[in-house]
Amino acid sequence: MTKDKELEELRAENARLTDENHRLVSRNLALSEQLDVWHDTRMRVQLLKELLLNDRRRMARADLKDDVELLALIEARVEKEKPHLQPDFDAEALARLLGVTPLRLTRLFRHNTPHHTPEDYIDFRRVISAMELMRQHPNYSVAAISQDAGFTSVRTFQRRMQQATGLTPVEYRLMFEPPTP
């Protein structure tokens, strides 16, 4: 009976090991499928990174014709939409408005304009707007003009106005007042 019992135990052990083997093979197949999906996803992400990098390089190396067209687009959009009148409008917002990267925009300004940065250009446009407002509304305060032109502070407006024109806002306004007898 001991041999029958041993044989029965061996068969039970064999059945258990066969079940365990099937379970492990199934688990390995599932893990292999997950690994394939992960690898495929990783390859796709890598391809997308390369495509984005190539697109950024292409945009950064645009030729002079593209620069001239982009500068014309900037002038047209800024003149028409006047986004610079919003205090939170900055270089990144300008880049988004034009559909270019901030780096591309910075390089464009550094190499092709008297404004060395997009921020300088935005402040210059704000000064021009403030000068127009001062001529149109001579009774507005400097603070009101500053705010309407998109500056976040009167002091920044005064500094930028002096840098751009050599005149303070008050001095500029005095140029348009009739002389007193």
N, C-alpha and C. Protein backbone atom coordinates (compact mmCIF):
# COMPACT_ATOMS: atom_id res chain seq x y z
N MET A 1 0.79 -1.18 0.00
CA MET A 1 0.00 0.00 0.00
C MET A 1 0.85 1.27 0.00
N THR A 2 1.96 1.17 0.50
CA THR A 2 2.84 2.32 0.54
C THR A 2 3.26 2.74 -0.87
N LYS A 3 3.41 1.73 -1.74
CA LYS A 3 3.77 2.10 -3.11
C LYS A 3 2.58 2.77 -3.79
N ASP A 4 1.39 2.31 -3.53
CA ASP A 4 0.19 2.94 -4.09
C ASP A 4 0.03 4.36 -3.54
N LYS A 5 0.32 4.48 -2.26
CA LYS A 5 0.21 5.80 -1.63
C LYS A 5 1.27 6.74 -2.21
N GLU A 6 2.48 6.25 -2.36
CA GLU A 6 3.55 7.06 -2.94
C GLU A 6 3.20 7.44 -4.37
N LEU A 7 2.68 6.48 -5.12
CA LEU A 7 2.30 6.74 -6.50
C LEU A 7 1.20 7.81 -6.55
N GLU A 8 0.23 7.71 -5.65
CA GLU A 8 -0.85 8.69 -5.59
C GLU A 8 -0.30 10.07 -5.23
N GLU A 9 0.63 10.16 -4.30
CA GLU A 9 1.26 11.42 -3.91
C GLU A 9 2.06 12.00 -5.07
N LEU A 10 2.76 11.13 -5.79
CA LEU A 10 3.54 11.61 -6.94
C LEU A 10 2.61 12.14 -8.03
N ARG A 11 1.48 11.46 -8.25
CA ARG A 11 0.53 11.94 -9.25
C ARG A 11 -0.07 13.29 -8.80
N ALA A 12 -0.37 13.41 -7.54
CA ALA A 12 -0.91 14.68 -7.02
C ALA A 12 0.13 15.79 -7.16
N GLU A 13 1.36 15.46 -6.82
CA GLU A 13 2.45 16.45 -6.94
C GLU A 13 2.65 16.81 -8.41
N ASN A 14 2.58 15.82 -9.28
CA ASN A 14 2.73 16.06 -10.72
C ASN A 14 1.60 16.97 -11.21
N ALA A 15 0.39 16.72 -10.79
CA ALA A 15 -0.77 17.54 -11.19
C ALA A 15 -0.59 18.97 -10.67
N ARG A 16 -0.15 19.10 -9.42
CA ARG A 16 0.07 20.43 -8.83
C ARG A 16 1.15 21.18 -9.60
N LEU A 17 2.27 20.48 -9.91
CA LEU A 17 3.36 21.11 -10.66
C LEU A 17 2.93 21.46 -12.09
N THR A 18 2.12 20.63 -12.69
CA THR A 18 1.61 20.93 -14.03
C THR A 18 0.73 22.18 -13.98
N ASP A 19 -0.16 22.26 -12.99
CA ASP A 19 -1.00 23.45 -12.82
C ASP A 19 -0.14 24.70 -12.58
N GLU A 20 0.85 24.54 -11.72
CA GLU A 20 1.77 25.66 -11.43
C GLU A 20 2.52 26.08 -12.68
N ASN A 21 2.94 25.11 -13.48
CA ASN A 21 3.65 25.39 -14.74
C ASN A 21 2.73 26.14 -15.69
N HIS A 22 1.47 25.72 -15.82
CA HIS A 22 0.50 26.41 -16.68
C HIS A 22 0.27 27.84 -16.20
N ARG A 23 0.15 27.98 -14.88
CA ARG A 23 -0.05 29.33 -14.31
C ARG A 23 1.15 30.22 -14.61
N LEU A 24 2.37 29.71 -14.44
CA LEU A 24 3.58 30.50 -14.70
C LEU A 24 3.73 30.83 -16.18
N VAL A 25 3.43 29.87 -17.05
CA VAL A 25 3.50 30.14 -18.49
C VAL A 25 2.50 31.23 -18.87
N SER A 26 1.28 31.15 -18.34
CA SER A 26 0.26 32.18 -18.62
C SER A 26 0.72 33.54 -18.11
N ARG A 27 1.28 33.53 -16.90
CA ARG A 27 1.79 34.79 -16.32
C ARG A 27 2.91 35.37 -17.18
N ASN A 28 3.83 34.52 -17.62
CA ASN A 28 4.94 34.97 -18.47
C ASN A 28 4.44 35.52 -19.80
N LEU A 29 3.41 34.88 -20.37
CA LEU A 29 2.83 35.39 -21.62
C LEU A 29 2.21 36.77 -21.40
N ALA A 30 1.49 36.93 -20.30
CA ALA A 30 0.87 38.23 -20.00
C ALA A 30 1.94 39.30 -19.78
N LEU A 31 2.99 38.94 -19.04
CA LEU A 31 4.08 39.90 -18.82
C LEU A 31 4.80 40.22 -20.13
N SER A 32 4.97 39.23 -20.98
CA SER A 32 5.61 39.44 -22.27
C SER A 32 4.78 40.39 -23.13
N GLU A 33 3.45 40.22 -23.12
CA GLU A 33 2.57 41.12 -23.86
C GLU A 33 2.66 42.54 -23.30
N GLN A 34 2.68 42.67 -21.97
CA GLN A 34 2.81 43.99 -21.34
C GLN A 34 4.14 44.62 -21.71
N LEU A 35 5.18 43.83 -21.73
CA LEU A 35 6.50 44.33 -22.09
C LEU A 35 6.51 44.80 -23.54
N ASP A 36 5.87 44.05 -24.43
CA ASP A 36 5.78 44.47 -25.83
C ASP A 36 5.03 45.79 -25.96
N VAL A 37 3.93 45.93 -25.23
CA VAL A 37 3.17 47.18 -25.26
C VAL A 37 4.02 48.32 -24.71
N TRP A 38 4.69 48.10 -23.62
CA TRP A 38 5.55 49.13 -23.02
C TRP A 38 6.66 49.52 -23.99
N HIS A 39 7.28 48.54 -24.61
CA HIS A 39 8.36 48.82 -25.55
C HIS A 39 7.83 49.60 -26.76
N ASP A 40 6.67 49.20 -27.28
CA ASP A 40 6.06 49.90 -28.41
C ASP A 40 5.75 51.35 -28.03
N THR A 41 5.19 51.54 -26.83
CA THR A 41 4.89 52.89 -26.36
C THR A 41 6.16 53.72 -26.21
N ARG A 42 7.19 53.12 -25.67
CA ARG A 42 8.46 53.81 -25.50
C ARG A 42 9.04 54.22 -26.85
N MET A 43 8.96 53.36 -27.83
CA MET A 43 9.46 53.67 -29.16
C MET A 43 8.66 54.82 -29.79
N ARG A 44 7.34 54.80 -29.59
CA ARG A 44 6.51 55.88 -30.12
C ARG A 44 6.84 57.21 -29.45
N VAL A 45 7.03 57.20 -28.15
CA VAL A 45 7.41 58.42 -27.42
C VAL A 45 8.75 58.94 -27.93
N GLN A 46 9.69 58.05 -28.12
CA GLN A 46 11.01 58.45 -28.64
C GLN A 46 10.88 59.06 -30.03
N LEU A 47 10.06 58.47 -30.88
CA LEU A 47 9.84 59.00 -32.22
C LEU A 47 9.20 60.39 -32.15
N LEU A 48 8.22 60.56 -31.27
CA LEU A 48 7.59 61.87 -31.10
C LEU A 48 8.58 62.91 -30.61
N LYS A 49 9.45 62.52 -29.69
CA LYS A 49 10.48 63.44 -29.19
C LYS A 49 11.38 63.88 -30.33
N GLU A 50 11.80 62.93 -31.15
CA GLU A 50 12.67 63.25 -32.29
C GLU A 50 11.96 64.17 -33.27
N LEU A 51 10.68 63.90 -33.54
CA LEU A 51 9.93 64.76 -34.44
C LEU A 51 9.80 66.18 -33.90
N LEU A 52 9.51 66.29 -32.60
CA LEU A 52 9.40 67.62 -31.99
C LEU A 52 10.74 68.35 -32.01
N LEU A 53 11.80 67.62 -31.72
CA LEU A 53 13.13 68.23 -31.73
C LEU A 53 13.48 68.71 -33.13
N ASN A 54 13.20 67.89 -34.14
CA ASN A 54 13.47 68.29 -35.52
C ASN A 54 12.64 69.50 -35.92
N ASP A 55 11.37 69.55 -35.47
CA ASP A 55 10.52 70.68 -35.77
C ASP A 55 11.05 71.95 -35.11
N ARG A 56 11.51 71.83 -33.87
CA ARG A 56 12.09 72.99 -33.19
C ARG A 56 13.35 73.46 -33.89
N ARG A 57 14.18 72.51 -34.32
CA ARG A 57 15.40 72.88 -35.04
C ARG A 57 15.06 73.58 -36.35
N ARG A 58 14.06 73.06 -37.06
CA ARG A 58 13.66 73.65 -38.33
C ARG A 58 13.15 75.08 -38.10
N MET A 59 12.36 75.25 -37.05
CA MET A 59 11.84 76.59 -36.76
C MET A 59 12.96 77.54 -36.35
N ALA A 60 13.93 77.04 -35.61
CA ALA A 60 15.03 77.89 -35.15
C ALA A 60 15.94 78.30 -36.29
N ARG A 61 16.00 77.47 -37.35
CA ARG A 61 16.90 77.78 -38.47
C ARG A 61 16.16 78.37 -39.66
N ALA A 62 15.07 79.04 -39.41
CA ALA A 62 14.30 79.60 -40.52
C ALA A 62 15.15 80.61 -41.27
N ASP A 63 14.93 80.70 -42.56
CA ASP A 63 15.75 81.62 -43.35
C ASP A 63 15.25 83.05 -43.22
N LEU A 64 15.96 83.96 -43.84
CA LEU A 64 15.68 85.39 -43.71
C LEU A 64 14.27 85.71 -44.20
N LYS A 65 13.83 85.06 -45.26
CA LYS A 65 12.49 85.32 -45.77
C LYS A 65 11.45 85.01 -44.69
N ASP A 66 11.64 83.91 -44.00
CA ASP A 66 10.72 83.56 -42.91
C ASP A 66 10.76 84.62 -41.82
N ASP A 67 11.96 85.14 -41.51
CA ASP A 67 12.09 86.17 -40.49
C ASP A 67 11.33 87.43 -40.88
N VAL A 68 11.48 87.85 -42.14
CA VAL A 68 10.79 89.05 -42.61
C VAL A 68 9.28 88.84 -42.56
N GLU A 69 8.83 87.67 -42.98
CA GLU A 69 7.41 87.37 -42.92
C GLU A 69 6.90 87.35 -41.48
N LEU A 70 7.69 86.77 -40.58
CA LEU A 70 7.28 86.71 -39.18
C LEU A 70 7.24 88.10 -38.56
N LEU A 71 8.20 88.94 -38.89
CA LEU A 71 8.18 90.32 -38.38
C LEU A 71 6.95 91.07 -38.90
N ALA A 72 6.62 90.87 -40.16
CA ALA A 72 5.42 91.51 -40.72
C ALA A 72 4.17 90.98 -40.03
N LEU A 73 4.14 89.69 -39.76
CA LEU A 73 3.01 89.09 -39.06
C LEU A 73 2.88 89.68 -37.65
N ILE A 74 4.01 89.84 -36.98
CA ILE A 74 3.99 90.42 -35.63
C ILE A 74 3.38 91.82 -35.67
N GLU A 75 3.88 92.65 -36.58
CA GLU A 75 3.37 94.02 -36.67
C GLU A 75 1.87 94.03 -36.97
N ALA A 76 1.46 93.20 -37.93
CA ALA A 76 0.04 93.19 -38.31
C ALA A 76 -0.85 92.71 -37.16
N ARG A 77 -0.46 91.63 -36.51
CA ARG A 77 -1.30 91.09 -35.44
C ARG A 77 -1.33 92.02 -34.23
N VAL A 78 -0.18 92.56 -33.87
CA VAL A 78 -0.12 93.44 -32.69
C VAL A 78 -0.88 94.73 -32.97
N GLU A 79 -0.74 95.26 -34.17
CA GLU A 79 -1.45 96.50 -34.51
C GLU A 79 -2.96 96.27 -34.53
N LYS A 80 -3.38 95.14 -35.07
CA LYS A 80 -4.82 94.87 -35.20
C LYS A 80 -5.44 94.46 -33.87
N GLU A 81 -4.82 93.51 -33.17
CA GLU A 81 -5.43 92.93 -31.97
C GLU A 81 -5.06 93.67 -30.68
N LYS A 82 -3.98 94.40 -30.69
CA LYS A 82 -3.48 95.17 -29.54
C LYS A 82 -3.38 94.35 -28.25
N PRO A 83 -2.76 93.17 -28.32
CA PRO A 83 -2.65 92.33 -27.12
C PRO A 83 -1.73 92.95 -26.06
N HIS A 84 -0.84 93.85 -26.49
CA HIS A 84 0.10 94.46 -25.56
C HIS A 84 -0.59 95.36 -24.53
N LEU A 85 -1.85 95.69 -24.77
CA LEU A 85 -2.59 96.52 -23.81
C LEU A 85 -3.02 95.73 -22.58
N GLN A 86 -2.87 94.41 -22.64
CA GLN A 86 -3.17 93.56 -21.47
C GLN A 86 -1.90 93.47 -20.61
N PRO A 87 -2.00 93.76 -19.33
CA PRO A 87 -0.80 93.75 -18.46
C PRO A 87 -0.10 92.39 -18.39
N ASP A 88 -0.84 91.30 -18.58
CA ASP A 88 -0.21 89.99 -18.48
C ASP A 88 0.33 89.48 -19.81
N PHE A 89 0.27 90.30 -20.85
CA PHE A 89 0.82 89.92 -22.15
C PHE A 89 2.33 89.99 -22.08
N ASP A 90 2.99 88.86 -22.38
CA ASP A 90 4.44 88.81 -22.30
C ASP A 90 4.99 88.08 -23.52
N ALA A 91 6.29 87.78 -23.50
CA ALA A 91 6.95 87.15 -24.64
C ALA A 91 6.35 85.78 -24.95
N GLU A 92 6.03 85.02 -23.93
CA GLU A 92 5.44 83.70 -24.17
C GLU A 92 4.06 83.83 -24.80
N ALA A 93 3.29 84.81 -24.38
CA ALA A 93 1.97 85.03 -24.96
C ALA A 93 2.10 85.46 -26.42
N LEU A 94 3.11 86.29 -26.72
CA LEU A 94 3.36 86.71 -28.10
C LEU A 94 3.74 85.51 -28.95
N ALA A 95 4.58 84.64 -28.42
CA ALA A 95 4.98 83.43 -29.15
C ALA A 95 3.76 82.55 -29.43
N ARG A 96 2.89 82.39 -28.43
CA ARG A 96 1.67 81.59 -28.63
C ARG A 96 0.78 82.22 -29.69
N LEU A 97 0.65 83.54 -29.64
CA LEU A 97 -0.18 84.26 -30.60
C LEU A 97 0.30 84.02 -32.03
N LEU A 98 1.61 83.91 -32.20
CA LEU A 98 2.19 83.74 -33.53
C LEU A 98 2.40 82.29 -33.92
N GLY A 99 2.30 81.39 -32.95
CA GLY A 99 2.50 79.98 -33.24
C GLY A 99 3.96 79.60 -33.40
N VAL A 100 4.85 80.28 -32.68
CA VAL A 100 6.27 79.95 -32.70
C VAL A 100 6.74 79.70 -31.28
N THR A 101 7.93 79.16 -31.15
CA THR A 101 8.47 78.92 -29.82
C THR A 101 9.04 80.22 -29.25
N PRO A 102 9.07 80.36 -27.92
CA PRO A 102 9.69 81.54 -27.32
C PRO A 102 11.16 81.70 -27.74
N LEU A 103 11.87 80.59 -27.89
CA LEU A 103 13.27 80.66 -28.32
C LEU A 103 13.37 81.25 -29.72
N ARG A 104 12.52 80.81 -30.62
CA ARG A 104 12.50 81.32 -32.00
C ARG A 104 12.23 82.81 -31.99
N LEU A 105 11.28 83.23 -31.18
CA LEU A 105 10.93 84.64 -31.09
C LEU A 105 12.09 85.47 -30.54
N THR A 106 12.75 84.97 -29.51
CA THR A 106 13.88 85.68 -28.91
C THR A 106 15.00 85.84 -29.93
N ARG A 107 15.31 84.78 -30.66
CA ARG A 107 16.37 84.86 -31.68
C ARG A 107 15.99 85.85 -32.78
N LEU A 108 14.73 85.84 -33.18
CA LEU A 108 14.27 86.78 -34.20
C LEU A 108 14.51 88.22 -33.76
N PHE A 109 14.12 88.54 -32.55
CA PHE A 109 14.29 89.91 -32.08
C PHE A 109 15.76 90.26 -31.88
N ARG A 110 16.53 89.34 -31.36
CA ARG A 110 17.95 89.61 -31.11
C ARG A 110 18.70 89.92 -32.40
N HIS A 111 18.37 89.22 -33.48
CA HIS A 111 19.14 89.35 -34.71
C HIS A 111 18.52 90.25 -35.77
N ASN A 112 17.25 90.61 -35.64
CA ASN A 112 16.59 91.31 -36.74
C ASN A 112 15.87 92.59 -36.38
N THR A 113 15.92 93.02 -35.13
CA THR A 113 15.18 94.23 -34.76
C THR A 113 16.03 95.10 -33.84
N PRO A 114 15.68 96.36 -33.75
CA PRO A 114 16.37 97.22 -32.78
C PRO A 114 15.98 96.88 -31.34
N HIS A 115 14.87 96.16 -31.19
CA HIS A 115 14.43 95.70 -29.87
C HIS A 115 15.16 94.38 -29.63
N HIS A 116 15.98 94.32 -28.63
CA HIS A 116 16.81 93.13 -28.44
C HIS A 116 16.05 91.93 -27.89
N THR A 117 14.89 92.17 -27.32
CA THR A 117 14.09 91.06 -26.78
C THR A 117 12.62 91.30 -27.11
N PRO A 118 11.82 90.25 -27.08
CA PRO A 118 10.37 90.45 -27.28
C PRO A 118 9.78 91.35 -26.20
N GLU A 119 10.31 91.26 -24.98
CA GLU A 119 9.81 92.10 -23.90
C GLU A 119 10.04 93.58 -24.21
N ASP A 120 11.23 93.90 -24.77
CA ASP A 120 11.51 95.29 -25.16
C ASP A 120 10.51 95.76 -26.21
N TYR A 121 10.20 94.90 -27.17
CA TYR A 121 9.24 95.23 -28.21
C TYR A 121 7.85 95.49 -27.61
N ILE A 122 7.43 94.62 -26.71
CA ILE A 122 6.11 94.78 -26.08
C ILE A 122 6.06 96.09 -25.31
N ASP A 123 7.11 96.39 -24.55
CA ASP A 123 7.14 97.66 -23.82
C ASP A 123 7.14 98.85 -24.78
N PHE A 124 7.86 98.74 -25.90
CA PHE A 124 7.88 99.81 -26.89
C PHE A 124 6.48 100.05 -27.44
N ARG A 125 5.76 98.96 -27.76
CA ARG A 125 4.40 99.10 -28.26
C ARG A 125 3.50 99.74 -27.20
N ARG A 126 3.76 99.43 -25.94
CA ARG A 126 2.97 100.03 -24.86
C ARG A 126 3.26 101.53 -24.76
N VAL A 127 4.51 101.91 -24.93
CA VAL A 127 4.88 103.33 -24.90
C VAL A 127 4.19 104.06 -26.05
N ILE A 128 4.21 103.48 -27.24
CA ILE A 128 3.54 104.10 -28.39
C ILE A 128 2.05 104.28 -28.09
N SER A 129 1.42 103.25 -27.53
CA SER A 129 0.00 103.34 -27.18
C SER A 129 -0.23 104.42 -26.13
N ALA A 130 0.66 104.50 -25.16
CA ALA A 130 0.52 105.52 -24.11
C ALA A 130 0.65 106.93 -24.70
N MET A 131 1.57 107.09 -25.65
CA MET A 131 1.73 108.41 -26.28
C MET A 131 0.46 108.79 -27.04
N GLU A 132 -0.15 107.84 -27.73
CA GLU A 132 -1.40 108.11 -28.44
C GLU A 132 -2.50 108.47 -27.44
N LEU A 133 -2.56 107.74 -26.33
CA LEU A 133 -3.58 108.03 -25.31
C LEU A 133 -3.38 109.41 -24.71
N MET A 134 -2.13 109.80 -24.48
CA MET A 134 -1.88 111.13 -23.90
C MET A 134 -2.30 112.24 -24.86
N ARG A 135 -2.13 112.02 -26.17
CA ARG A 135 -2.57 113.02 -27.14
C ARG A 135 -4.09 113.06 -27.24
N GLN A 136 -4.73 111.89 -27.19
CA GLN A 136 -6.18 111.82 -27.32
C GLN A 136 -6.91 112.26 -26.04
N HIS A 137 -6.31 112.01 -24.90
CA HIS A 137 -6.96 112.30 -23.62
C HIS A 137 -6.00 113.09 -22.71
N PRO A 138 -5.81 114.36 -23.00
CA PRO A 138 -4.84 115.14 -22.23
C PRO A 138 -5.22 115.30 -20.75
N ASN A 139 -6.47 115.06 -20.41
CA ASN A 139 -6.88 115.21 -19.01
C ASN A 139 -6.74 113.92 -18.20
N TYR A 140 -6.37 112.80 -18.81
CA TYR A 140 -6.16 111.56 -18.08
C TYR A 140 -4.89 111.65 -17.23
N SER A 141 -4.90 111.04 -16.08
CA SER A 141 -3.71 111.03 -15.23
C SER A 141 -2.66 110.09 -15.83
N VAL A 142 -1.42 110.28 -15.42
CA VAL A 142 -0.34 109.41 -15.87
C VAL A 142 -0.61 107.97 -15.43
N ALA A 143 -1.17 107.80 -14.25
CA ALA A 143 -1.50 106.46 -13.75
C ALA A 143 -2.55 105.79 -14.64
N ALA A 144 -3.58 106.55 -15.04
CA ALA A 144 -4.63 105.99 -15.90
C ALA A 144 -4.06 105.63 -17.27
N ILE A 145 -3.22 106.49 -17.82
CA ILE A 145 -2.59 106.22 -19.12
C ILE A 145 -1.73 104.97 -19.02
N SER A 146 -0.95 104.89 -17.94
CA SER A 146 -0.08 103.73 -17.72
C SER A 146 -0.88 102.44 -17.70
N GLN A 147 -1.97 102.44 -16.97
CA GLN A 147 -2.81 101.25 -16.85
C GLN A 147 -3.47 100.91 -18.18
N ASP A 148 -4.00 101.91 -18.88
CA ASP A 148 -4.68 101.67 -20.16
C ASP A 148 -3.70 101.18 -21.23
N ALA A 149 -2.43 101.55 -21.11
CA ALA A 149 -1.42 101.13 -22.09
C ALA A 149 -0.86 99.75 -21.79
N GLY A 150 -1.24 99.16 -20.66
CA GLY A 150 -0.81 97.79 -20.35
C GLY A 150 0.35 97.66 -19.39
N PHE A 151 0.82 98.78 -18.85
CA PHE A 151 1.93 98.70 -17.89
C PHE A 151 1.39 98.26 -16.53
N THR A 152 2.20 97.52 -15.81
CA THR A 152 1.77 97.03 -14.50
C THR A 152 2.04 98.05 -13.39
N SER A 153 2.90 99.05 -13.68
CA SER A 153 3.14 100.09 -12.68
C SER A 153 3.47 101.41 -13.37
N VAL A 154 3.17 102.49 -12.69
CA VAL A 154 3.46 103.82 -13.23
C VAL A 154 4.97 104.01 -13.37
N ARG A 155 5.72 103.52 -12.40
CA ARG A 155 7.19 103.68 -12.45
C ARG A 155 7.78 102.98 -13.67
N THR A 156 7.30 101.79 -13.97
CA THR A 156 7.79 101.09 -15.16
C THR A 156 7.44 101.88 -16.41
N PHE A 157 6.24 102.42 -16.48
CA PHE A 157 5.84 103.26 -17.62
C PHE A 157 6.77 104.46 -17.76
N GLN A 158 7.03 105.14 -16.65
CA GLN A 158 7.90 106.32 -16.71
C GLN A 158 9.30 105.96 -17.20
N ARG A 159 9.85 104.86 -16.68
CA ARG A 159 11.19 104.43 -17.10
C ARG A 159 11.22 104.08 -18.58
N ARG A 160 10.25 103.28 -19.02
CA ARG A 160 10.21 102.87 -20.43
C ARG A 160 9.99 104.06 -21.36
N MET A 161 9.16 104.98 -20.96
CA MET A 161 8.90 106.18 -21.77
C MET A 161 10.17 107.00 -21.90
N GLN A 162 10.89 107.17 -20.80
CA GLN A 162 12.13 107.94 -20.84
C GLN A 162 13.18 107.24 -21.69
N GLN A 163 13.26 105.91 -21.59
CA GLN A 163 14.23 105.16 -22.40
C GLN A 163 13.91 105.28 -23.89
N ALA A 164 12.63 105.24 -24.24
CA ALA A 164 12.23 105.25 -25.64
C ALA A 164 12.28 106.63 -26.27
N THR A 165 11.92 107.67 -25.50
CA THR A 165 11.77 109.00 -26.09
C THR A 165 12.74 110.04 -25.53
N GLY A 166 13.31 109.76 -24.39
CA GLY A 166 14.14 110.76 -23.72
C GLY A 166 13.32 111.74 -22.91
N LEU A 167 12.01 111.52 -22.86
CA LEU A 167 11.11 112.40 -22.13
C LEU A 167 10.31 111.61 -21.12
N THR A 168 9.97 112.26 -20.01
CA THR A 168 9.05 111.65 -19.07
C THR A 168 7.63 111.83 -19.63
N PRO A 169 6.66 111.11 -19.12
CA PRO A 169 5.28 111.31 -19.59
C PRO A 169 4.80 112.76 -19.41
N VAL A 170 5.15 113.37 -18.31
CA VAL A 170 4.73 114.76 -18.07
C VAL A 170 5.38 115.69 -19.08
N GLU A 171 6.67 115.51 -19.35
CA GLU A 171 7.35 116.34 -20.34
C GLU A 171 6.74 116.15 -21.73
N TYR A 172 6.40 114.93 -22.07
CA TYR A 172 5.79 114.66 -23.37
C TYR A 172 4.43 115.35 -23.45
N ARG A 173 3.65 115.28 -22.41
CA ARG A 173 2.32 115.88 -22.40
C ARG A 173 2.42 117.41 -22.53
N LEU A 174 3.43 118.00 -21.91
CA LEU A 174 3.60 119.45 -21.97
C LEU A 174 3.87 119.93 -23.40
N MET A 175 4.42 119.05 -24.22
CA MET A 175 4.69 119.43 -25.61
C MET A 175 3.40 119.73 -26.38
N PHE A 176 2.28 119.20 -25.95
CA PHE A 176 1.03 119.35 -26.68
C PHE A 176 0.09 120.37 -26.03
N GLU A 177 0.49 120.95 -24.94
CA GLU A 177 -0.34 121.97 -24.32
C GLU A 177 -0.06 123.31 -25.00
N PRO A 178 -1.11 124.08 -25.18
CA PRO A 178 -0.90 125.40 -25.79
C PRO A 178 -0.12 126.28 -24.82
N PRO A 179 0.74 127.13 -25.34
CA PRO A 179 1.51 127.99 -24.44
C PRO A 179 0.59 128.96 -23.70
N THR A 180 0.93 129.21 -22.45
CA THR A 180 0.13 130.15 -21.64
C THR A 180 0.65 131.55 -21.88
N PRO A 181 -0.29 132.50 -22.00
CA PRO A 181 0.15 133.88 -22.28
C PRO A 181 0.77 134.56 -21.11
